[in-house]
Every structure is written in structure tokens, then in C-alpha cells.
PDB file of N, CA and C in Angstrom:
ATOM      1  N   MET A   1      77.477 123.806 160.361  1.00  0.00           N
ATOM      2  CA  MET A   1      77.574 123.388 158.449  1.00  0.00           C
ATOM      3  C   MET A   1      77.094 125.090 158.107  1.00  0.00           C
ATOM      4  N   LYS A   2      76.958 124.824 157.299  1.00  0.00           N
ATOM      5  CA  LYS A   2      76.460 126.054 155.926  1.00  0.00           C
ATOM      6  C   LYS A   2      75.795 125.371 154.494  1.00  0.00           C
ATOM      7  N   HIS A   3      75.292 126.422 153.900  1.00  0.00           N
ATOM      8  CA  HIS A   3      74.678 125.978 152.746  1.00  0.00           C
ATOM      9  C   HIS A   3      74.563 126.398 151.552  1.00  0.00           C
ATOM     10  N   LEU A   4      74.805 125.694 150.818  1.00  0.00           N
ATOM     11  CA  LEU A   4      75.209 126.376 149.661  1.00  0.00           C
ATOM     12  C   LEU A   4      75.297 127.581 148.720  1.00  0.00           C
ATOM     13  N   ASN A   5      73.719 128.127 149.027  1.00  0.00           N
ATOM     14  CA  ASN A   5      73.335 129.481 148.759  1.00  0.00           C
ATOM     15  C   ASN A   5      74.417 130.596 149.827  1.00  0.00           C
ATOM     16  N   GLU A   6      74.867 129.837 150.965  1.00  0.00           N
ATOM     17  CA  GLU A   6      76.386 131.352 151.846  1.00  0.00           C
ATOM     18  C   GLU A   6      77.450 131.293 151.499  1.00  0.00           C
ATOM     19  N   LEU A   7      77.642 130.877 151.039  1.00  0.00           N
ATOM     20  CA  LEU A   7      78.824 130.612 150.125  1.00  0.00           C
ATOM     21  C   LEU A   7      79.495 131.587 149.080  1.00  0.00           C
ATOM     22  N   ALA A   8      80.697 131.927 149.252  1.00  0.00           N
ATOM     23  CA  ALA A   8      80.963 133.520 148.074  1.00  0.00           C
ATOM     24  C   ALA A   8      81.518 132.653 146.800  1.00  0.00           C
ATOM     25  N   ILE A   9      82.188 133.457 145.888  1.00  0.00           N
ATOM     26  CA  ILE A   9      82.773 133.222 144.491  1.00  0.00           C
ATOM     27  C   ILE A   9      83.870 132.726 145.268  1.00  0.00           C
ATOM     28  N   GLY A  10      84.344 131.777 144.478  1.00  0.00           N
ATOM     29  CA  GLY A  10      85.505 131.049 144.398  1.00  0.00           C
ATOM     30  C   GLY A  10      85.603 130.158 146.033  1.00  0.00           C
ATOM     31  N   ASP A  11      84.723 130.451 146.881  1.00  0.00           N
ATOM     32  CA  ASP A  11      84.893 129.702 147.970  1.00  0.00           C
ATOM     33  C   ASP A  11      84.423 127.797 147.529  1.00  0.00           C
ATOM     34  N   ARG A  12      85.645 126.964 148.214  1.00  0.00           N
ATOM     35  CA  ARG A  12      84.568 125.964 147.810  1.00  0.00           C
ATOM     36  C   ARG A  12      84.918 124.822 148.966  1.00  0.00           C
ATOM     37  N   ALA A  13      83.512 123.861 148.915  1.00  0.00           N
ATOM     38  CA  ALA A  13      82.805 123.112 149.328  1.00  0.00           C
ATOM     39  C   ALA A  13      82.499 121.706 149.521  1.00  0.00           C
ATOM     40  N   GLY A  14      82.514 120.907 150.390  1.00  0.00           N
ATOM     41  CA  GLY A  14      82.466 119.119 150.110  1.00  0.00           C
ATOM     42  C   GLY A  14      80.383 119.058 150.134  1.00  0.00           C
ATOM     43  N   ILE A  15      79.849 118.656 149.940  1.00  0.00           N
ATOM     44  CA  ILE A  15      78.407 118.384 150.213  1.00  0.00           C
ATOM     45  C   ILE A  15      77.931 117.080 151.373  1.00  0.00           C
ATOM     46  N   ILE A  16      77.431 118.170 151.537  1.00  0.00           N
ATOM     47  CA  ILE A  16      76.842 116.660 153.369  1.00  0.00           C
ATOM     48  C   ILE A  16      75.865 115.786 153.084  1.00  0.00           C
ATOM     49  N   ALA A  17      74.991 117.036 152.672  1.00  0.00           N
ATOM     50  CA  ALA A  17      73.628 116.679 152.029  1.00  0.00           C
ATOM     51  C   ALA A  17      72.658 117.310 151.699  1.00  0.00           C
ATOM     52  N   VAL A  18      71.728 116.858 150.671  1.00  0.00           N
ATOM     53  CA  VAL A  18      70.750 118.028 150.502  1.00  0.00           C
ATOM     54  C   VAL A  18      69.360 117.100 150.961  1.00  0.00           C
ATOM     55  N   ASN A  19      69.118 118.917 151.386  1.00  0.00           N
ATOM     56  CA  ASN A  19      67.580 118.219 151.998  1.00  0.00           C
ATOM     57  C   ASN A  19      66.299 118.595 151.218  1.00  0.00           C
ATOM     58  N   ALA A  20      66.508 118.627 150.494  1.00  0.00           N
ATOM     59  CA  ALA A  20      65.490 118.466 149.702  1.00  0.00           C
ATOM     60  C   ALA A  20      63.773 117.595 149.464  1.00  0.00           C
ATOM     61  N   GLY A  21      62.940 117.927 149.413  1.00  0.00           N
ATOM     62  CA  GLY A  21      61.492 116.823 149.054  1.00  0.00           C
ATOM     63  C   GLY A  21      60.947 117.575 147.895  1.00  0.00           C
ATOM     64  N   GLY A  22      59.415 116.409 147.493  1.00  0.00           N
ATOM     65  CA  GLY A  22      59.310 116.245 146.024  1.00  0.00           C
ATOM     66  C   GLY A  22      59.836 116.365 145.157  1.00  0.00           C
ATOM     67  N   GLY A  23      59.354 117.165 144.354  1.00  0.00           N
ATOM     68  CA  GLY A  23      60.680 116.906 142.599  1.00  0.00           C
ATOM     69  C   GLY A  23      62.173 117.862 142.817  1.00  0.00           C
ATOM     70  N   ARG A  24      61.792 118.281 143.928  1.00  0.00           N
ATOM     71  CA  ARG A  24      63.980 119.067 143.970  1.00  0.00           C
ATOM     72  C   ARG A  24      64.931 117.825 143.907  1.00  0.00           C
ATOM     73  N   ALA A  25      64.257 116.989 145.299  1.00  0.00           N
ATOM     74  CA  ALA A  25      65.894 116.348 145.112  1.00  0.00           C
ATOM     75  C   ALA A  25      66.506 115.593 144.086  1.00  0.00           C
ATOM     76  N   PRO A  26      65.756 114.851 143.516  1.00  0.00           N
ATOM     77  CA  PRO A  26      66.028 113.753 141.804  1.00  0.00           C
ATOM     78  C   PRO A  26      66.855 114.362 140.959  1.00  0.00           C
ATOM     79  N   ARG A  27      66.513 116.114 141.294  1.00  0.00           N
ATOM     80  CA  ARG A  27      66.453 116.879 139.971  1.00  0.00           C
ATOM     81  C   ARG A  27      68.127 117.439 140.603  1.00  0.00           C
ATOM     82  N   LEU A  28      68.004 117.701 141.598  1.00  0.00           N
ATOM     83  CA  LEU A  28      69.580 118.429 142.178  1.00  0.00           C
ATOM     84  C   LEU A  28      70.791 116.909 142.179  1.00  0.00           C
ATOM     85  N   LEU A  29      70.322 116.105 142.886  1.00  0.00           N
ATOM     86  CA  LEU A  29      71.121 114.651 142.702  1.00  0.00           C
ATOM     87  C   LEU A  29      71.419 114.638 141.041  1.00  0.00           C
ATOM     88  N   ALA A  30      70.494 114.409 140.134  1.00  0.00           N
ATOM     89  CA  ALA A  30      70.749 114.474 138.737  1.00  0.00           C
ATOM     90  C   ALA A  30      71.494 115.047 138.268  1.00  0.00           C
ATOM     91  N   LEU A  31      71.571 116.426 138.619  1.00  0.00           N
ATOM     92  CA  LEU A  31      72.826 117.360 138.155  1.00  0.00           C
ATOM     93  C   LEU A  31      74.150 117.187 139.042  1.00  0.00           C
ATOM     94  N   GLY A  32      74.381 116.554 139.504  1.00  0.00           N
ATOM     95  CA  GLY A  32      75.485 116.214 140.298  1.00  0.00           C
ATOM     96  C   GLY A  32      76.105 116.263 141.897  1.00  0.00           C
ATOM     97  N   LEU A  33      74.626 116.463 142.617  1.00  0.00           N
ATOM     98  CA  LEU A  33      75.011 117.552 143.547  1.00  0.00           C
ATOM     99  C   LEU A  33      75.031 116.640 145.078  1.00  0.00           C
ATOM    100  N   LEU A  34      75.830 115.244 144.916  1.00  0.00           N
ATOM    101  CA  LEU A  34      75.574 114.315 145.535  1.00  0.00           C
ATOM    102  C   LEU A  34      76.313 114.622 147.503  1.00  0.00           C
ATOM    103  N   PRO A  35      76.117 113.700 148.320  1.00  0.00           N
ATOM    104  CA  PRO A  35      76.961 114.090 149.290  1.00  0.00           C
ATOM    105  C   PRO A  35      78.456 112.756 149.245  1.00  0.00           C
ATOM    106  N   GLY A  36      79.937 113.798 149.501  1.00  0.00           N
ATOM    107  CA  GLY A  36      80.951 113.765 149.242  1.00  0.00           C
ATOM    108  C   GLY A  36      81.610 114.263 148.072  1.00  0.00           C
ATOM    109  N   VAL A  37      80.689 115.034 146.828  1.00  0.00           N
ATOM    110  CA  VAL A  37      81.081 115.843 146.203  1.00  0.00           C
ATOM    111  C   VAL A  37      81.734 117.257 146.404  1.00  0.00           C
ATOM    112  N   THR A  38      82.751 117.619 146.250  1.00  0.00           N
ATOM    113  CA  THR A  38      83.747 119.008 145.985  1.00  0.00           C
ATOM    114  C   THR A  38      82.780 120.029 145.188  1.00  0.00           C
ATOM    115  N   VAL A  39      82.253 120.703 145.916  1.00  0.00           N
ATOM    116  CA  VAL A  39      81.718 122.261 144.442  1.00  0.00           C
ATOM    117  C   VAL A  39      82.473 123.428 144.689  1.00  0.00           C
ATOM    118  N   GLU A  40      82.598 124.609 144.103  1.00  0.00           N
ATOM    119  CA  GLU A  40      82.654 125.371 144.159  1.00  0.00           C
ATOM    120  C   GLU A  40      82.340 126.370 143.454  1.00  0.00           C
ATOM    121  N   VAL A  41      82.247 127.797 144.375  1.00  0.00           N
ATOM    122  CA  VAL A  41      80.862 128.559 143.474  1.00  0.00           C
ATOM    123  C   VAL A  41      81.623 129.195 142.524  1.00  0.00           C
ATOM    124  N   ALA A  42      80.996 129.441 141.153  1.00  0.00           N
ATOM    125  CA  ALA A  42      81.968 130.037 140.291  1.00  0.00           C
ATOM    126  C   ALA A  42      81.869 131.375 139.806  1.00  0.00           C
ATOM    127  N   GLY A  43      80.410 131.489 140.393  1.00  0.00           N
ATOM    128  CA  GLY A  43      79.728 132.891 140.028  1.00  0.00           C
ATOM    129  C   GLY A  43      78.364 132.834 139.961  1.00  0.00           C
ATOM    130  N   VAL A  44      78.183 134.122 139.892  1.00  0.00           N
ATOM    131  CA  VAL A  44      76.442 134.812 140.682  1.00  0.00           C
ATOM    132  C   VAL A  44      75.722 135.864 139.772  1.00  0.00           C
ATOM    133  N   ALA A  45      75.239 136.023 139.294  1.00  0.00           N
ATOM    134  CA  ALA A  45      74.051 136.899 138.450  1.00  0.00           C
ATOM    135  C   ALA A  45      73.717 138.223 139.228  1.00  0.00           C
ATOM    136  N   PRO A  46      73.913 139.147 138.188  1.00  0.00           N
ATOM    137  CA  PRO A  46      74.206 140.272 138.641  1.00  0.00           C
ATOM    138  C   PRO A  46      73.080 140.538 139.797  1.00  0.00           C
ATOM    139  N   PHE A  47      71.989 140.592 139.746  1.00  0.00           N
ATOM    140  CA  PHE A  47      70.921 140.664 140.565  1.00  0.00           C
ATOM    141  C   PHE A  47      70.882 139.054 142.254  1.00  0.00           C
ATOM    142  N   GLY A  48      71.856 138.349 142.246  1.00  0.00           N
ATOM    143  CA  GLY A  48      72.061 137.475 143.101  1.00  0.00           C
ATOM    144  C   GLY A  48      71.349 136.111 142.939  1.00  0.00           C
ATOM    145  N   ASP A  49      70.711 135.612 141.090  1.00  0.00           N
ATOM    146  CA  ASP A  49      69.653 134.915 141.296  1.00  0.00           C
ATOM    147  C   ASP A  49      69.951 134.478 140.194  1.00  0.00           C
ATOM    148  N   PRO A  50      70.041 133.414 139.575  1.00  0.00           N
ATOM    149  CA  PRO A  50      71.276 131.744 140.178  1.00  0.00           C
ATOM    150  C   PRO A  50      72.510 132.176 140.318  1.00  0.00           C
ATOM    151  N   LEU A  51      72.782 131.096 140.944  1.00  0.00           N
ATOM    152  CA  LEU A  51      74.623 130.825 141.120  1.00  0.00           C
ATOM    153  C   LEU A  51      74.625 130.126 140.174  1.00  0.00           C
ATOM    154  N   THR A  52      76.218 130.191 139.916  1.00  0.00           N
ATOM    155  CA  THR A  52      76.779 128.980 139.374  1.00  0.00           C
ATOM    156  C   THR A  52      77.859 128.720 140.182  1.00  0.00           C
ATOM    157  N   VAL A  53      77.319 127.090 140.136  1.00  0.00           N
ATOM    158  CA  VAL A  53      78.223 126.025 140.923  1.00  0.00           C
ATOM    159  C   VAL A  53      79.677 124.935 140.288  1.00  0.00           C
ATOM    160  N   LYS A  54      80.824 125.105 140.398  1.00  0.00           N
ATOM    161  CA  LYS A  54      81.585 123.781 139.530  1.00  0.00           C
ATOM    162  C   LYS A  54      80.854 122.777 139.942  1.00  0.00           C
ATOM    163  N   VAL A  55      80.759 121.367 139.824  1.00  0.00           N
ATOM    164  CA  VAL A  55      80.206 120.365 140.421  1.00  0.00           C
ATOM    165  C   VAL A  55      81.585 118.883 138.781  1.00  0.00           C
ATOM    166  N   ARG A  56      81.921 118.192 139.746  1.00  0.00           N
ATOM    167  CA  ARG A  56      83.336 117.964 139.120  1.00  0.00           C
ATOM    168  C   ARG A  56      83.664 118.703 137.491  1.00  0.00           C
ATOM    169  N   GLY A  57      84.002 119.402 138.319  1.00  0.00           N
ATOM    170  CA  GLY A  57      84.759 120.531 136.618  1.00  0.00           C
ATOM    171  C   GLY A  57      83.568 120.942 136.162  1.00  0.00           C
ATOM    172  N   ARG A  58      81.964 121.036 135.515  1.00  0.00           N
ATOM    173  CA  ARG A  58      81.146 121.279 135.091  1.00  0.00           C
ATOM    174  C   ARG A  58      80.521 122.560 135.341  1.00  0.00           C
ATOM    175  N   PRO A  59      80.276 123.777 135.074  1.00  0.00           N
ATOM    176  CA  PRO A  59      79.507 124.523 135.779  1.00  0.00           C
ATOM    177  C   PRO A  59      77.508 124.248 135.243  1.00  0.00           C
ATOM    178  N   VAL A  60      77.219 124.563 136.847  1.00  0.00           N
ATOM    179  CA  VAL A  60      75.442 124.249 137.362  1.00  0.00           C
ATOM    180  C   VAL A  60      75.137 125.579 137.752  1.00  0.00           C
ATOM    181  N   SER A  61      74.514 126.028 137.057  1.00  0.00           N
ATOM    182  CA  SER A  61      72.954 127.334 136.865  1.00  0.00           C
ATOM    183  C   SER A  61      71.780 126.471 138.419  1.00  0.00           C
ATOM    184  N   LEU A  62      71.919 127.116 139.529  1.00  0.00           N
ATOM    185  CA  LEU A  62      70.985 126.578 140.231  1.00  0.00           C
ATOM    186  C   LEU A  62      70.466 127.988 141.058  1.00  0.00           C
ATOM    187  N   ARG A  63      68.934 128.126 140.993  1.00  0.00           N
ATOM    188  CA  ARG A  63      68.202 128.905 141.911  1.00  0.00           C
ATOM    189  C   ARG A  63      68.839 128.888 143.600  1.00  0.00           C
ATOM    190  N   ARG A  64      69.095 129.666 143.634  1.00  0.00           N
ATOM    191  CA  ARG A  64      69.351 130.210 145.604  1.00  0.00           C
ATOM    192  C   ARG A  64      68.365 129.338 146.644  1.00  0.00           C
ATOM    193  N   ALA A  65      67.147 129.678 145.925  1.00  0.00           N
ATOM    194  CA  ALA A  65      66.282 128.785 146.682  1.00  0.00           C
ATOM    195  C   ALA A  65      66.654 127.123 147.460  1.00  0.00           C
ATOM    196  N   ASP A  66      67.403 126.866 145.696  1.00  0.00           N
ATOM    197  CA  ASP A  66      67.397 125.217 145.620  1.00  0.00           C
ATOM    198  C   ASP A  66      68.950 125.253 145.876  1.00  0.00           C
ATOM    199  N   ALA A  67      70.346 125.845 146.103  1.00  0.00           N
ATOM    200  CA  ALA A  67      70.852 126.172 146.722  1.00  0.00           C
ATOM    201  C   ALA A  67      71.133 125.415 147.842  1.00  0.00           C
ATOM    202  N   ALA A  68      70.008 126.582 149.010  1.00  0.00           N
ATOM    203  CA  ALA A  68      69.546 126.476 150.121  1.00  0.00           C
ATOM    204  C   ALA A  68      69.464 125.293 151.225  1.00  0.00           C
ATOM    205  N   LEU A  69      69.045 124.743 149.937  1.00  0.00           N
ATOM    206  CA  LEU A  69      68.818 122.993 150.925  1.00  0.00           C
ATOM    207  C   LEU A  69      69.689 121.683 150.492  1.00  0.00           C
ATOM    208  N   VAL A  70      71.104 122.495 150.013  1.00  0.00           N
ATOM    209  CA  VAL A  70      72.062 121.582 149.995  1.00  0.00           C
ATOM    210  C   VAL A  70      73.107 122.264 151.401  1.00  0.00           C
ATOM    211  N   THR A  71      73.483 121.328 152.227  1.00  0.00           N
ATOM    212  CA  THR A  71      74.062 121.877 153.468  1.00  0.00           C
ATOM    213  C   THR A  71      75.388 120.998 152.731  1.00  0.00           C
ATOM    214  N   VAL A  72      76.381 122.059 153.477  1.00  0.00           N
ATOM    215  CA  VAL A  72      77.827 121.594 152.749  1.00  0.00           C
ATOM    216  C   VAL A  72      78.600 122.470 153.953  1.00  0.00           C
ATOM    217  N   GLU A  73      80.225 121.779 154.002  1.00  0.00           N
ATOM    218  CA  GLU A  73      81.143 121.821 154.831  1.00  0.00           C
ATOM    219  C   GLU A  73      82.252 122.537 154.016  1.00  0.00           C
ATOM    220  N   GLN A  74      82.656 123.944 154.497  1.00  0.00           N
ATOM    221  CA  GLN A  74      83.973 124.487 153.588  1.00  0.00           C
ATOM    222  C   GLN A  74      84.737 124.396 154.019  1.00  0.00           C
ATOM    223  N   LEU A  75      85.989 123.732 152.298  1.00  0.00           N
ATOM    224  CA  LEU A  75      87.351 123.190 152.918  1.00  0.00           C
ATOM    225  C   LEU A  75      88.090 124.882 152.704  1.00  0.00           C
TER     226      LEU A  75
END
């Protein structure tokens, strides 16, 4: 299993779990990062943070630290 922050641009993956605590979990879930949803890495900022993923066809920017909390299975 991988984490969302380990994927390269163009990679697609299915979300398995969001392993966040505190206030991060509700924010990630509200952005659409739910188990069973397919995401695609659309881009990475020049210095590597943040990264942009497509969730249900919409772009979402995430800090790399937050993306590391999302467990995925690469498709």
C-alpha cells in the first residue's frame, strides 16, 4: 500500500483510508477524499508542495503532509 504523497503525476489510485486525527480528518473528508473514491495526481508545485489531485473530476490542492495521511491502492 502507498500513500497519496508517494504517487507521481498522472498516477491514479483508489483511496483505502484516511488516517488523520484531530481537525485534519474532517477537512480531508469534506474535500471528497473518501474511501472508495478514485483520485489522479494532476500536478506538483515547483518545490514539491502542494500537490494537486483530481477528486471526482475536480482539482484539489493538498499539502504533502496531508496527502501522506491518505492510504491508496494504485490502479
